[in-house]
N, C-alpha and C. Protein backbone atom coordinates (compact mmCIF):
# COMPACT_ATOMS: atom_id res chain seq x y z
N MET A 1 -22.02 19.01 3.28
CA MET A 1 -21.12 18.23 2.44
C MET A 1 -20.31 17.29 3.33
N ALA A 2 -20.27 16.03 2.96
CA ALA A 2 -19.53 15.03 3.73
C ALA A 2 -18.03 15.17 3.47
N SER A 3 -17.25 14.94 4.50
CA SER A 3 -15.80 14.99 4.30
C SER A 3 -15.29 13.64 3.83
N GLN A 4 -14.23 13.67 3.11
CA GLN A 4 -13.60 12.44 2.64
C GLN A 4 -12.18 12.38 3.13
N GLN A 5 -11.65 11.17 3.20
CA GLN A 5 -10.27 10.95 3.59
C GLN A 5 -9.53 10.36 2.40
N ALA A 6 -8.23 10.44 2.44
CA ALA A 6 -7.41 9.87 1.39
C ALA A 6 -6.37 8.95 2.01
N LEU A 7 -6.07 7.89 1.33
CA LEU A 7 -4.99 6.98 1.73
C LEU A 7 -3.91 7.09 0.67
N LEU A 8 -2.73 7.48 1.07
CA LEU A 8 -1.60 7.57 0.15
C LEU A 8 -0.70 6.36 0.36
N ILE A 9 -0.50 5.62 -0.70
CA ILE A 9 0.42 4.49 -0.67
C ILE A 9 1.60 4.90 -1.54
N ILE A 10 2.70 5.19 -0.89
CA ILE A 10 3.84 5.78 -1.59
C ILE A 10 4.98 4.77 -1.77
N ASP A 11 5.37 4.59 -3.00
CA ASP A 11 6.52 3.77 -3.38
C ASP A 11 6.46 2.32 -2.92
N TYR A 12 5.26 1.76 -2.88
CA TYR A 12 5.15 0.33 -2.63
C TYR A 12 5.14 -0.36 -3.99
N THR A 13 6.28 -0.34 -4.63
CA THR A 13 6.42 -0.87 -5.99
C THR A 13 7.46 -1.98 -6.04
N ASN A 14 7.53 -2.64 -7.17
CA ASN A 14 8.46 -3.75 -7.34
C ASN A 14 9.89 -3.39 -7.00
N ASP A 15 10.35 -2.22 -7.41
CA ASP A 15 11.74 -1.86 -7.15
C ASP A 15 12.07 -1.83 -5.66
N PHE A 16 11.08 -1.53 -4.84
CA PHE A 16 11.33 -1.42 -3.40
C PHE A 16 10.90 -2.66 -2.61
N VAL A 17 10.07 -3.52 -3.19
CA VAL A 17 9.48 -4.61 -2.43
C VAL A 17 9.83 -6.00 -2.98
N ALA A 18 9.85 -6.15 -4.28
CA ALA A 18 10.10 -7.47 -4.88
C ALA A 18 11.50 -7.98 -4.52
N ASP A 19 11.63 -9.29 -4.41
CA ASP A 19 12.94 -9.88 -4.09
C ASP A 19 14.02 -9.45 -5.06
N ASN A 20 13.67 -9.27 -6.33
CA ASN A 20 14.65 -8.88 -7.34
C ASN A 20 14.58 -7.39 -7.67
N GLY A 21 13.97 -6.60 -6.82
CA GLY A 21 13.86 -5.16 -7.06
C GLY A 21 15.21 -4.46 -6.96
N ALA A 22 15.35 -3.36 -7.67
CA ALA A 22 16.61 -2.63 -7.71
C ALA A 22 17.01 -2.08 -6.34
N LEU A 23 16.04 -1.66 -5.54
CA LEU A 23 16.31 -1.09 -4.22
C LEU A 23 15.48 -1.79 -3.15
N THR A 24 15.38 -3.10 -3.25
CA THR A 24 14.44 -3.85 -2.43
C THR A 24 14.75 -3.81 -0.93
N CYS A 25 13.70 -3.78 -0.16
CA CYS A 25 13.83 -3.98 1.29
C CYS A 25 13.42 -5.41 1.62
N GLY A 26 12.92 -6.14 0.63
CA GLY A 26 12.62 -7.56 0.75
C GLY A 26 11.46 -7.88 1.68
N GLN A 27 11.64 -8.90 2.48
CA GLN A 27 10.59 -9.44 3.33
C GLN A 27 9.92 -8.40 4.24
N PRO A 28 10.65 -7.49 4.88
CA PRO A 28 9.96 -6.51 5.73
C PRO A 28 8.90 -5.70 4.97
N GLY A 29 9.16 -5.38 3.74
CA GLY A 29 8.17 -4.66 2.94
C GLY A 29 7.06 -5.58 2.43
N GLN A 30 7.40 -6.81 2.13
CA GLN A 30 6.42 -7.76 1.60
C GLN A 30 5.36 -8.13 2.62
N VAL A 31 5.71 -8.18 3.90
CA VAL A 31 4.72 -8.56 4.91
C VAL A 31 3.67 -7.48 5.11
N LEU A 32 3.91 -6.28 4.58
CA LEU A 32 2.94 -5.18 4.69
C LEU A 32 1.81 -5.29 3.67
N ALA A 33 1.98 -6.11 2.64
CA ALA A 33 1.01 -6.17 1.54
C ALA A 33 -0.42 -6.42 2.00
N PRO A 34 -0.71 -7.40 2.86
CA PRO A 34 -2.10 -7.61 3.27
C PRO A 34 -2.71 -6.40 4.00
N ALA A 35 -1.94 -5.76 4.85
CA ALA A 35 -2.46 -4.59 5.58
C ALA A 35 -2.73 -3.43 4.63
N ILE A 36 -1.84 -3.22 3.67
CA ILE A 36 -2.03 -2.14 2.70
C ILE A 36 -3.26 -2.42 1.85
N THR A 37 -3.44 -3.66 1.42
CA THR A 37 -4.60 -4.03 0.62
C THR A 37 -5.89 -3.81 1.40
N THR A 38 -5.89 -4.21 2.66
CA THR A 38 -7.09 -4.03 3.49
C THR A 38 -7.41 -2.54 3.66
N LEU A 39 -6.41 -1.74 3.95
CA LEU A 39 -6.63 -0.30 4.09
C LEU A 39 -7.19 0.31 2.80
N ALA A 40 -6.61 -0.07 1.67
CA ALA A 40 -7.08 0.45 0.39
C ALA A 40 -8.51 0.02 0.10
N ASP A 41 -8.82 -1.24 0.37
CA ASP A 41 -10.19 -1.73 0.16
C ASP A 41 -11.19 -1.00 1.05
N ASN A 42 -10.83 -0.81 2.31
CA ASN A 42 -11.71 -0.10 3.24
C ASN A 42 -11.96 1.34 2.80
N CYS A 43 -10.92 2.01 2.35
CA CYS A 43 -11.08 3.39 1.87
C CYS A 43 -11.98 3.43 0.63
N ARG A 44 -11.76 2.51 -0.28
CA ARG A 44 -12.57 2.47 -1.50
C ARG A 44 -14.04 2.21 -1.16
N GLN A 45 -14.30 1.26 -0.27
CA GLN A 45 -15.68 0.93 0.11
C GLN A 45 -16.36 2.07 0.83
N ALA A 46 -15.58 2.89 1.54
CA ALA A 46 -16.15 4.04 2.25
C ALA A 46 -16.35 5.25 1.33
N GLY A 47 -15.89 5.12 0.08
CA GLY A 47 -16.05 6.21 -0.86
C GLY A 47 -14.97 7.28 -0.72
N ASP A 48 -13.92 6.93 -0.02
CA ASP A 48 -12.80 7.89 0.16
C ASP A 48 -11.79 7.76 -0.93
């Protein structure tokens, strides 16, 4: 049986990232979006 990995993306939501979010961290969180998307795409393509 092949092993699988999981990628957990926790609390990367509008409230924490959007400029008008209730608890926003703003730009520092927004610059992570491309890296998070790439990681998620890679995991999905690998069947994880």
